[in-house]
Structures are given as structure tokens and as C-alpha cells.
Protein backbone atom coordinates (compact mmCIF):
# COMPACT_ATOMS: atom_id res chain seq x y z
CA MET A 1 31.17 -119.36 57.71
CA LYS A 2 31.83 -122.78 59.19
CA LEU A 3 29.26 -123.94 61.73
CA VAL A 4 28.25 -127.10 63.53
CA LEU A 5 24.58 -127.80 62.90
CA PHE A 6 22.26 -130.04 64.89
CA VAL A 7 18.92 -131.64 64.06
CA SER A 8 17.10 -128.95 65.98
CA LEU A 9 18.56 -126.30 63.67
CA ILE A 10 18.28 -127.76 60.20
CA ALA A 11 15.85 -129.72 58.04
CA VAL A 12 16.14 -129.37 54.29
CA ALA A 13 13.21 -130.84 52.38
CA SER A 14 12.85 -134.40 53.78
CA ALA A 15 16.50 -134.63 54.82
CA THR A 16 17.59 -134.35 58.44
CA VAL A 17 21.13 -133.42 59.42
CA PHE A 18 21.94 -134.76 62.87
CA PHE A 19 25.47 -133.42 63.02
CA LYS A 20 27.71 -131.35 60.79
CA GLU A 21 31.25 -130.14 61.52
CA GLU A 22 33.69 -128.31 59.27
CA PHE A 23 36.07 -127.19 62.06
CA GLY A 24 35.59 -123.47 61.70
CA GLU A 25 35.64 -120.86 64.43
CA GLY A 26 34.86 -122.17 67.91
CA TRP A 27 35.40 -125.86 67.13
CA GLU A 28 37.24 -126.32 70.45
CA SER A 29 34.04 -125.58 72.37
CA ARG A 30 32.18 -128.30 70.48
CA TRP A 31 34.76 -131.04 70.98
CA THR A 32 35.93 -132.65 74.22
CA GLN A 33 39.51 -133.84 74.60
CA SER A 34 39.54 -137.13 76.47
CA GLU A 35 41.28 -137.19 79.84
CA SER A 36 41.46 -140.97 79.95
CA LYS A 37 45.23 -140.79 79.31
CA SER A 38 47.63 -138.06 80.34
CA ASP A 39 49.75 -138.28 77.20
CA TYR A 40 47.22 -138.16 74.37
CA GLY A 41 48.45 -136.53 71.20
CA LYS A 42 47.27 -132.99 70.52
CA PHE A 43 44.92 -132.03 67.72
CA ALA A 44 45.33 -128.74 65.85
CA ALA A 45 43.10 -126.89 63.41
CA SER A 46 45.01 -126.88 60.13
CA ALA A 47 44.57 -126.99 56.38
CA GLY A 48 47.94 -128.70 56.09
CA LYS A 49 50.77 -127.84 53.73
CA PHE A 50 48.77 -127.87 50.51
CA TYR A 51 45.14 -126.89 50.06
CA GLY A 52 42.75 -124.91 47.91
CA ASP A 53 41.35 -122.37 50.36
CA LYS A 54 42.90 -122.29 53.82
CA ALA A 55 39.76 -121.25 55.72
CA ARG A 56 37.50 -123.65 53.84
CA ASP A 57 39.92 -126.59 54.01
CA THR A 58 40.89 -126.31 57.69
CA GLY A 59 40.27 -129.53 59.59
CA LEU A 60 41.30 -131.39 62.72
CA GLN A 61 44.93 -132.53 62.35
CA THR A 62 46.98 -134.96 64.45
CA SER A 63 50.18 -133.16 65.41
CA GLU A 64 52.44 -135.47 67.47
CA ASP A 65 54.14 -138.68 66.35
CA ALA A 66 53.71 -142.04 68.07
CA ARG A 67 50.67 -141.07 70.10
CA PHE A 68 47.15 -142.18 70.93
CA TYR A 69 44.45 -139.63 70.13
CA ALA A 70 40.97 -139.39 71.62
CA ILE A 71 38.51 -136.54 71.08
CA ALA A 72 34.73 -136.48 70.63
CA ALA A 73 31.71 -134.24 70.14
CA GLU A 74 28.16 -134.86 71.30
CA PHE A 75 24.83 -133.99 69.73
CA PRO A 76 21.14 -134.49 70.54
CA SER A 77 20.31 -138.16 70.70
CA PHE A 78 18.61 -139.80 67.72
CA SER A 79 17.74 -143.29 66.53
CA ASN A 80 18.14 -144.52 62.98
CA LYS A 81 15.27 -147.02 63.29
CA ASP A 82 13.13 -147.04 60.14
CA LYS A 83 15.32 -144.47 58.41
CA ASP A 84 18.51 -144.31 56.37
CA LEU A 85 21.73 -143.48 58.17
CA VAL A 86 24.53 -141.72 56.29
CA ILE A 87 27.93 -141.06 57.86
CA GLN A 88 30.44 -139.03 55.85
CA PHE A 89 33.77 -137.32 56.42
CA THR A 90 36.93 -136.31 54.59
CA LEU A 91 40.41 -137.44 55.53
CA LYS A 92 43.85 -136.44 54.27
CA HIS A 93 46.96 -138.42 55.25
CA GLU A 94 49.26 -135.55 54.39
CA GLN A 95 52.19 -137.15 56.21
CA GLY A 96 52.25 -140.19 53.92
CA ILE A 97 50.91 -142.46 56.65
CA ASP A 98 52.81 -145.65 57.47
CA CYS A 99 50.85 -146.97 60.44
CA GLY A 100 47.78 -145.51 62.07
CA GLY A 101 44.02 -145.16 62.15
CA GLY A 102 41.78 -142.65 60.43
CA TYR A 103 38.30 -143.75 61.45
CA LEU A 104 35.34 -142.35 63.37
CA LYS A 105 33.32 -143.93 66.15
CA LEU A 106 29.64 -143.13 66.71
CA GLY A 107 27.89 -144.21 69.87
CA PRO A 108 25.35 -143.67 72.63
CA LYS A 109 25.42 -141.10 75.41
CA THR A 110 28.66 -141.30 77.40
CA ASP A 111 31.07 -139.19 79.42
CA LEU A 112 33.33 -137.80 76.71
CA THR A 113 36.06 -136.87 79.21
CA THR A 114 36.69 -140.62 79.64
CA PHE A 115 36.30 -141.52 75.95
CA ASN A 116 38.85 -144.21 75.00
CA GLY A 117 39.31 -147.53 73.23
CA ASP A 118 37.02 -149.30 75.71
CA THR A 119 34.12 -146.89 75.28
CA GLN A 120 31.03 -148.59 73.84
CA TYR A 121 30.18 -147.48 70.33
CA ASN A 122 27.54 -148.37 67.73
CA ILE A 123 29.54 -148.04 64.51
CA MET A 124 33.21 -147.62 63.65
CA PHE A 125 33.98 -146.53 60.13
CA GLY A 126 37.03 -145.32 58.23
CA PRO A 127 40.60 -146.07 57.12
CA ASP A 128 43.08 -148.16 59.10
CA ILE A 129 46.58 -148.54 57.67
CA CYS A 130 49.71 -150.29 58.91
CA GLY A 131 52.37 -151.54 56.53
CA ALA A 132 50.83 -153.74 53.86
CA THR A 133 47.45 -153.78 55.64
CA LYS A 134 45.30 -151.05 54.13
CA ARG A 135 41.56 -151.19 54.70
CA SER A 136 38.47 -149.20 55.55
CA HIS A 137 37.13 -150.48 58.86
CA LEU A 138 33.43 -151.21 59.09
CA ILE A 139 32.37 -152.46 62.51
CA PHE A 140 28.89 -152.66 64.06
CA ASN A 141 28.09 -153.37 67.68
CA TYR A 142 25.38 -155.97 68.17
CA ASP A 143 24.18 -157.42 71.44
CA GLY A 144 27.25 -156.07 73.23
CA ASP A 145 29.85 -157.40 70.80
CA ASN A 146 31.72 -155.61 68.00
CA HIS A 147 31.50 -157.32 64.61
CA LEU A 148 33.94 -156.60 61.79
CA ARG A 149 32.95 -157.14 58.17
CA ARG A 150 34.23 -160.56 57.08
CA SER A 151 36.18 -159.21 54.11
CA ASP A 152 38.21 -156.01 54.02
CA LEU A 153 37.13 -152.89 52.18
CA ARG A 154 39.78 -150.95 50.30
CA THR A 155 40.99 -147.53 51.36
CA GLU A 156 43.15 -144.69 50.07
CA SER A 157 46.63 -144.08 51.47
CA ASP A 158 48.08 -141.26 49.36
CA GLU A 159 48.60 -137.68 50.55
CA PHE A 160 45.40 -136.20 49.15
CA THR A 161 41.98 -135.59 50.69
CA HIS A 162 39.38 -138.32 50.17
CA VAL A 163 35.73 -138.47 51.18
CA TYR A 164 34.39 -141.59 52.92
CA THR A 165 30.66 -142.32 53.02
CA LEU A 166 28.70 -145.08 54.76
CA VAL A 167 25.01 -145.68 54.00
CA VAL A 168 22.94 -148.04 56.17
CA LYS A 169 19.32 -148.76 55.25
CA PRO A 170 16.34 -150.22 57.15
CA ASP A 171 16.31 -153.24 54.82
CA GLN A 172 19.73 -154.04 56.43
CA SER A 173 21.66 -153.27 53.27
CA TYR A 174 24.71 -151.03 53.37
CA GLU A 175 27.18 -149.39 51.03
CA VAL A 176 30.59 -147.76 51.45
CA LEU A 177 31.62 -145.08 49.00
CA ILE A 178 35.07 -143.55 48.60
CA ASP A 179 35.23 -140.31 46.63
CA GLN A 180 31.53 -140.88 45.76
CA ASN A 181 32.26 -144.23 44.08
CA SER A 182 31.13 -147.54 45.55
CA ALA A 183 33.89 -149.42 47.37
CA GLY A 184 31.66 -152.20 48.67
CA ALA A 185 28.03 -153.02 49.36
CA GLY A 186 26.01 -155.86 50.78
CA ASN A 187 23.67 -157.05 53.49
CA LEU A 188 24.44 -157.01 57.20
CA LEU A 189 23.15 -160.55 57.72
CA GLU A 190 25.27 -161.93 54.88
CA ASP A 191 28.54 -160.04 55.41
CA PHE A 192 28.80 -160.05 59.22
CA ASP A 193 28.57 -162.73 61.90
CA PHE A 194 25.88 -161.07 63.99
CA LEU A 195 23.71 -164.17 64.29
CA PRO A 196 24.53 -167.85 64.73
CA PRO A 197 24.10 -170.04 61.61
CA GLN A 198 20.54 -170.91 60.65
CA GLU A 199 21.49 -174.58 60.31
CA ILE A 200 23.93 -176.78 62.18
CA PRO A 201 25.15 -180.38 61.70
CA ASP A 202 22.72 -182.84 63.27
CA PRO A 203 24.44 -183.89 66.53
CA ASN A 204 22.58 -187.22 66.41
CA GLU A 205 24.10 -188.18 63.06
CA SER A 206 27.63 -189.36 62.29
CA LYS A 207 29.40 -190.97 59.35
CA PRO A 208 28.70 -194.72 59.14
CA GLU A 209 31.71 -196.86 60.03
CA ASP A 210 31.52 -198.68 56.70
CA TRP A 211 31.36 -195.50 54.64
CA VAL A 212 33.98 -195.55 51.89
CA ASP A 213 35.24 -192.08 51.02
CA ASP A 214 38.54 -192.98 49.33
CA ALA A 215 38.03 -192.16 45.65
CA MET A 216 41.25 -193.88 44.57
CA ILE A 217 42.99 -197.04 45.81
CA PRO A 218 46.28 -198.86 44.95
CA ASP A 219 45.82 -201.29 42.07
CA PRO A 220 45.99 -204.75 43.70
CA GLU A 221 47.21 -206.25 40.41
CA ASP A 222 50.15 -203.89 40.06
CA LYS A 223 53.37 -205.59 41.23
CA LYS A 224 56.83 -204.17 41.84
CA PRO A 225 59.37 -205.30 39.20
CA GLU A 226 61.88 -207.82 40.59
CA ASP A 227 64.91 -205.69 39.65
CA TRP A 228 63.43 -202.43 40.98
CA ASP A 229 65.62 -202.33 44.10
CA ASP A 230 68.78 -203.34 42.20
CA VAL A 231 69.34 -199.77 41.01
CA PRO A 232 71.28 -197.74 43.65
CA GLU A 233 70.32 -194.17 44.51
CA THR A 234 73.88 -192.89 43.96
CA ILE A 235 76.87 -193.95 41.88
CA GLU A 236 80.54 -193.01 41.73
CA ASP A 237 81.19 -189.98 39.59
CA PRO A 238 82.62 -191.46 36.37
CA GLU A 239 84.44 -188.18 35.63
CA ALA A 240 86.18 -188.00 38.99
CA GLU A 241 89.94 -188.68 38.98
CA LYS A 242 92.31 -189.25 41.84
CA PRO A 243 94.34 -186.07 42.45
CA ASP A 244 97.98 -186.22 41.37
CA ASP A 245 99.18 -185.37 44.85
CA TRP A 246 97.06 -188.09 46.51
CA ASP A 247 99.19 -190.31 48.74
CA ASP A 248 97.51 -193.63 49.58
CA GLU A 249 99.77 -194.17 52.58
CA GLU A 250 99.03 -190.76 54.09
CA ASP A 251 95.56 -190.06 52.71
CA GLY A 252 94.15 -193.59 52.66
CA GLU A 253 92.63 -195.45 49.77
CA TYR A 254 91.10 -193.02 47.28
CA GLU A 255 87.32 -193.14 46.91
CA ALA A 256 85.64 -191.30 44.08
CA PRO A 257 82.82 -188.91 45.09
CA THR A 258 79.25 -190.04 44.40
CA ILE A 259 76.55 -188.38 42.32
CA PRO A 260 72.78 -189.04 41.97
CA ASN A 261 72.11 -192.09 39.81
CA PRO A 262 70.16 -190.98 36.71
CA ASP A 263 68.67 -194.50 36.49
CA TYR A 264 67.33 -194.49 40.05
CA LYS A 265 63.51 -194.55 40.07
CA GLY A 266 62.85 -193.89 43.73
CA GLU A 267 60.66 -195.85 46.09
CA TRP A 268 58.16 -198.02 44.24
CA THR A 269 54.46 -197.36 44.70
CA PRO A 270 51.61 -199.13 42.93
CA ARG A 271 49.55 -197.16 40.47
CA MET A 272 46.21 -195.85 41.68
CA ILE A 273 42.82 -196.86 40.27
CA GLU A 274 39.24 -195.75 40.93
CA ASN A 275 37.74 -197.34 44.01
CA PRO A 276 34.71 -199.41 42.95
CA GLU A 277 33.25 -199.09 46.46
CA TYR A 278 33.60 -195.31 46.65
CA LYS A 279 30.38 -193.67 47.89
CA GLY A 280 31.44 -190.03 47.62
CA GLU A 281 32.17 -187.47 50.32
CA TRP A 282 29.92 -187.98 53.30
CA GLU A 283 27.77 -184.94 54.04
CA HIS A 284 26.63 -184.35 57.57
CA PRO A 285 22.84 -183.93 57.69
CA MET A 286 21.86 -180.42 58.74
CA ILE A 287 19.05 -179.35 61.06
CA ALA A 288 17.60 -175.99 62.07
CA ASN A 289 19.74 -174.27 64.71
CA PRO A 290 17.61 -173.95 67.87
CA GLU A 291 19.73 -170.95 68.92
CA TYR A 292 19.07 -169.01 65.73
CA LYS A 293 16.55 -166.20 65.90
CA HIS A 294 16.07 -163.85 62.97
CA ASP A 295 16.51 -160.15 63.69
CA ASP A 296 15.48 -157.59 61.11
CA SER A 297 16.62 -154.64 63.24
CA ILE A 298 20.37 -155.22 63.39
CA TYR A 299 20.90 -151.98 61.47
CA ALA A 300 19.04 -149.90 64.09
CA PHE A 301 20.39 -148.26 67.23
CA ASP A 302 18.23 -146.53 69.81
CA ASP A 303 20.78 -143.87 70.67
CA PHE A 304 23.40 -142.00 68.69
CA SER A 305 24.78 -139.18 70.84
CA PHE A 306 28.46 -138.72 69.98
CA VAL A 307 31.04 -138.94 67.24
CA GLY A 308 34.69 -139.34 68.10
CA VAL A 309 38.22 -140.00 66.90
CA ASP A 310 40.00 -142.72 68.90
CA ILE A 311 43.17 -143.76 67.06
CA TRP A 312 46.89 -144.49 67.28
CA GLN A 313 49.34 -143.02 64.77
CA VAL A 314 53.07 -143.61 64.36
CA LYS A 315 53.54 -140.60 62.11
CA SER A 316 51.10 -137.71 62.62
CA GLY A 317 49.59 -135.32 60.10
CA SER A 318 46.17 -136.74 59.20
CA ILE A 319 43.40 -134.15 58.77
CA PHE A 320 39.74 -134.98 59.58
CA ASP A 321 37.14 -132.62 58.16
CA ASN A 322 33.60 -132.18 56.83
CA ILE A 323 31.94 -134.64 59.19
CA LEU A 324 28.27 -135.14 58.33
CA ILE A 325 25.65 -137.41 59.90
CA THR A 326 22.30 -137.38 58.13
CA ASP A 327 19.47 -139.57 56.88
CA SER A 328 19.87 -138.51 53.25
CA LEU A 329 22.46 -139.71 50.76
CA GLU A 330 21.47 -136.82 48.52
CA GLU A 331 22.31 -134.38 51.32
CA ALA A 332 25.67 -136.11 51.75
CA LYS A 333 26.40 -135.91 48.02
CA GLU A 334 25.61 -132.19 47.97
CA HIS A 335 27.88 -131.64 50.96
CA ALA A 336 30.70 -133.62 49.34
CA ASP A 337 30.31 -131.60 46.16
CA ALA A 338 30.46 -128.34 48.08
CA THR A 339 33.55 -129.33 50.08
CA TRP A 340 35.71 -132.18 48.80
CA ALA A 341 34.86 -131.93 45.10
CA ALA A 342 35.16 -128.14 45.13
CA MET A 343 38.66 -128.17 46.61
CA LYS A 344 40.38 -131.28 45.23
CA GLY A 345 41.54 -129.56 42.02
CA ASP A 346 43.10 -126.64 43.88
CA GLU A 347 44.64 -129.03 46.40
CA LYS A 348 46.29 -131.06 43.62
CA LYS A 349 47.59 -127.89 41.96
CA LYS A 350 49.06 -126.63 45.23
CA TYR A 351 50.69 -130.03 45.79
CA ASP A 352 52.19 -130.06 42.29
CA ASP A 353 53.39 -126.46 42.64
CA ASP A 354 55.06 -127.24 45.98
CA LYS A 355 56.68 -130.33 44.51
CA GLU A 356 57.99 -128.36 41.54
CA GLU A 357 59.33 -125.61 43.81
CA LYS A 358 61.16 -128.16 45.97
CA LYS A 359 62.66 -129.74 42.87
CA LYS A 360 63.78 -126.31 41.67
CA GLN A 361 65.42 -125.57 45.01
CA ALA A 362 67.14 -128.95 45.03
CA ASP A 363 68.47 -128.38 41.50
CA GLU A 364 69.78 -124.95 42.49
CA GLU A 365 71.48 -126.36 45.60
CA ARG A 366 73.03 -129.14 43.54
CA ALA A 367 74.32 -126.66 40.95
CA LYS A 368 75.73 -124.49 43.72
CA ARG A 369 77.45 -127.50 45.27
CA ASP A 370 78.94 -128.59 41.95
CA ALA A 371 80.22 -125.06 41.30
CA GLU A 372 81.86 -124.86 44.74
CA ILE A 373 83.49 -128.23 44.27
CA LYS A 374 84.77 -127.20 40.86
CA ASP A 375 86.16 -123.94 42.25
CA GLN A 376 87.82 -125.86 45.08
CA GLU A 377 89.41 -128.31 42.66
CA GLU A 378 90.71 -125.47 40.49
CA ALA A 379 92.09 -123.67 43.53
CA GLU A 380 93.94 -126.79 44.61
CA GLY A 381 95.39 -127.19 41.12
CA ASP A 382 95.19 -129.81 38.41
CA ASP A 383 96.92 -133.14 39.04
CA ASP A 384 98.43 -133.03 35.58
CA ASP A 385 100.05 -129.64 36.16
CA LEU A 386 100.97 -129.84 39.83
CA ALA A 387 103.00 -132.63 41.33
CA GLU A 388 101.81 -133.57 44.78
CA ASP A 389 103.16 -135.94 47.33
CA ASP A 390 100.78 -138.51 48.84
CA ASP A 391 100.15 -136.43 51.95
CA ALA A 392 99.18 -133.31 49.98
CA ALA A 393 96.88 -135.31 47.69
CA ALA A 394 95.17 -136.93 50.68
CA LYS A 395 94.57 -133.54 52.33
CA ARG A 396 93.13 -132.11 49.11
CA GLN A 397 90.77 -135.08 48.74
CA GLU A 398 89.73 -134.74 52.39
CA LYS A 399 88.73 -131.11 51.78
CA LEU A 400 86.71 -132.06 48.71
CA ASP A 401 84.95 -134.88 50.56
CA ALA A 402 84.06 -132.55 53.45
CA LEU A 403 82.63 -130.01 51.00
CA LYS A 404 80.50 -132.68 49.26
CA LYS A 405 79.27 -134.02 52.59
CA LYS A 406 78.28 -130.53 53.68
CA HIS A 407 76.06 -130.04 50.63
CA GLU A 408 74.59 -133.55 50.80
CA HIS A 409 73.60 -132.90 54.41
CA ALA A 410 72.00 -129.59 53.39
CA GLU A 411 69.90 -131.37 50.75
CA LEU A 412 68.62 -133.87 53.33
């Protein structure tokens, strides 16, 4: 039976589960639809078109094209200070997504009825796809500003379910896993611009006026040959001949067309030599940045109280499921094994079976169409045996074209 579980209800060994949602019975009472906009897209509980077990694989699916979506669930407040934080969920872009988000936002206590893109959050994590841009967002809020990871993390964009996992540790390291395999890892201080640089160029220093930083200079002893400019850039085409019908009185004096001169050498420039006075690239002296202050608690947030979906999608159909927030990666792995790993084989089989069935139906429709066209042609008679005037032939072809168009439209 699918249940949402809070920290007050579950503690397995040393692991704590802060929130768990598999979108079973009663999920509507646990989630709040935002009223910030009047035309938000609607979510529906669905396992989609292909799945392993319908009840087990039911999730929260976007159902309307070209819409914003905003929905969230709250849970008892907790802080991740001095403990690991693990955020995990599954996502299936069953529609073959072209442009839209698929990420979660986790944040402090707020009015969920007004949840929207301006609502403050602590962490945003998950896929974001639009055209050629395909990445897994990883954004942390620090000191009131949202900071995106400097380099993009990959994501999945096919039609199957994938599990996304984020691990954040008190030593300020983090790791993103997709389908339980590492997709990127690092340190918050090194991969994000939370803090100003530790060193800055010394404002009291500047490059000396006599500093020579040209590595190469024109050779002063290299001189342009005297006949260099005597060679024209173009010449008359030696193969051109005056047309036979050319009339000098009417057309003027004939001038042969020009072509690039193969002997032309271009503008002369002296050869370059090493500069004997070159001192190298000048490096600005660095000093400690007075505005820099180390912070070893960037990873920590005092209040996590909600998880929400705040996205835009051009084409709907994405299914969110198996949301887990815990302090144990082992707990997350076990949950992924029991949900995503347990169903992915059946999901793939169902997908392949549906694909094969559609192909079979298409083949049958095509065979039916071909048979009808053949019967129609036979009924109209063979061109070799039946003489037709142009009007009769045109009418027969028009009937055949209409029949083909009818079946092509049915296939679409």
C-alpha cells in the first residue's frame, strides 16, 4: 500500500526518512495545488501508457500542453546541518519531451497556495530540457541568491523512467546519480560561485609603462623587394575570346574579362622575429580579498518544510514518482531498488510490446489499403485492355488518389 511517511513515523536503523511519496491512495490530500495562477496545468495520478504494475507505478503526471504547473507538499521542518541530505525521485518523460522542466524544489515553510516561480527555495534539482539543451539542474540558495552549478550535468530525455538522486554532505561535497550511477560530483565551494574569490588583483599595482609584452616583432633588416608592387592582382583572361557577334560600333571596344593573377603575392609584410626585449606576459600581483570570508556551512539549511513541482512544459506527459528525502544514501538505494529497479524491466517489455502491436496494426492497415487500391484498379479496368479518353483516365486516377489519401490519413 502506498503511503506518505514523515520523520515522526519512521526511523530505520540510523536512517531518517523526512518525506516519502509514491502517489497512492489519498495523494490529493497531501499535495496543495497552487492558486498563484488561474490557468495552471492539471496533474493526474497515472502510470502512463506503459508500465510494469499499474498500482505500483502510478505517479503524478502533467496532463495539459503548453502550461505552467505548480503543486507542493509540506512536511515537518528539519535541518540538514551536520547530517547527509539525500533527495531522490523518479521521472518518466513518456511524451517524448521537447521543451519543459522535470525538477523538484525544496524549501522552508511557506504558504503553498501561493507557491510559484518566485517562492524562495533551498535546493532545485532535476531535469530541464528544451531543444538541444538537456541538463539536470542543480541550484542552491545562499545568502538570498540562487546559484547554479558552473557546468551542466547530463540528464535523460527518452521515454522511460529514470531515478535521480542528489547527495549533499556536511563536508560540502555533493554527488548526483542517475539510475544509481554517478553523473557528477564535486565540492560546493569549487563548483559554485557562492563566495567571492579568495584573491583579487592588487588595485595599487599596474603594468609598468615600459613593459614589453610583444613576443615577436617585424625584422628591421627585412626589406620589400623593389619589383614587389609590379605584379598586378588581376590579369586579362588569356583564354577569353571576343564573341563572334560582338559589334564594336554598337557594343564598344571589347575588353577581355579579368581573372586572379597566379603570380600576385599580396600585400608585403616583413617577416617576424623574436623580440629581444620581450619580458613575458605581465601578471597582475594578487592580494587577499578583504570581502572573502570562508563559510563551511553552505551545505546546511535551517528549515526544509516543503517539496514542490514548479515547471513549464510545452508537451505534457511527464510522470513524477517515488519522491524520497532522507539522510541515508543506503535508504535511498533500497528504495530505488524496490521501485525503479523492480519495474524497469516490465516497463521496457510493455513499451516493446506496444510498439510491436502498433507496427502490426500499421502493416495490416497498409495491406488493406493496397488490396483496396488493387481491387479499385481492377474494377476500373486495365489500360492495356480498355481504351480510355483523357477525361475518363483523369477521373479514374482521381478516384485512386482519393482512396490512397483516405488510407494515409487513417495511418496518421
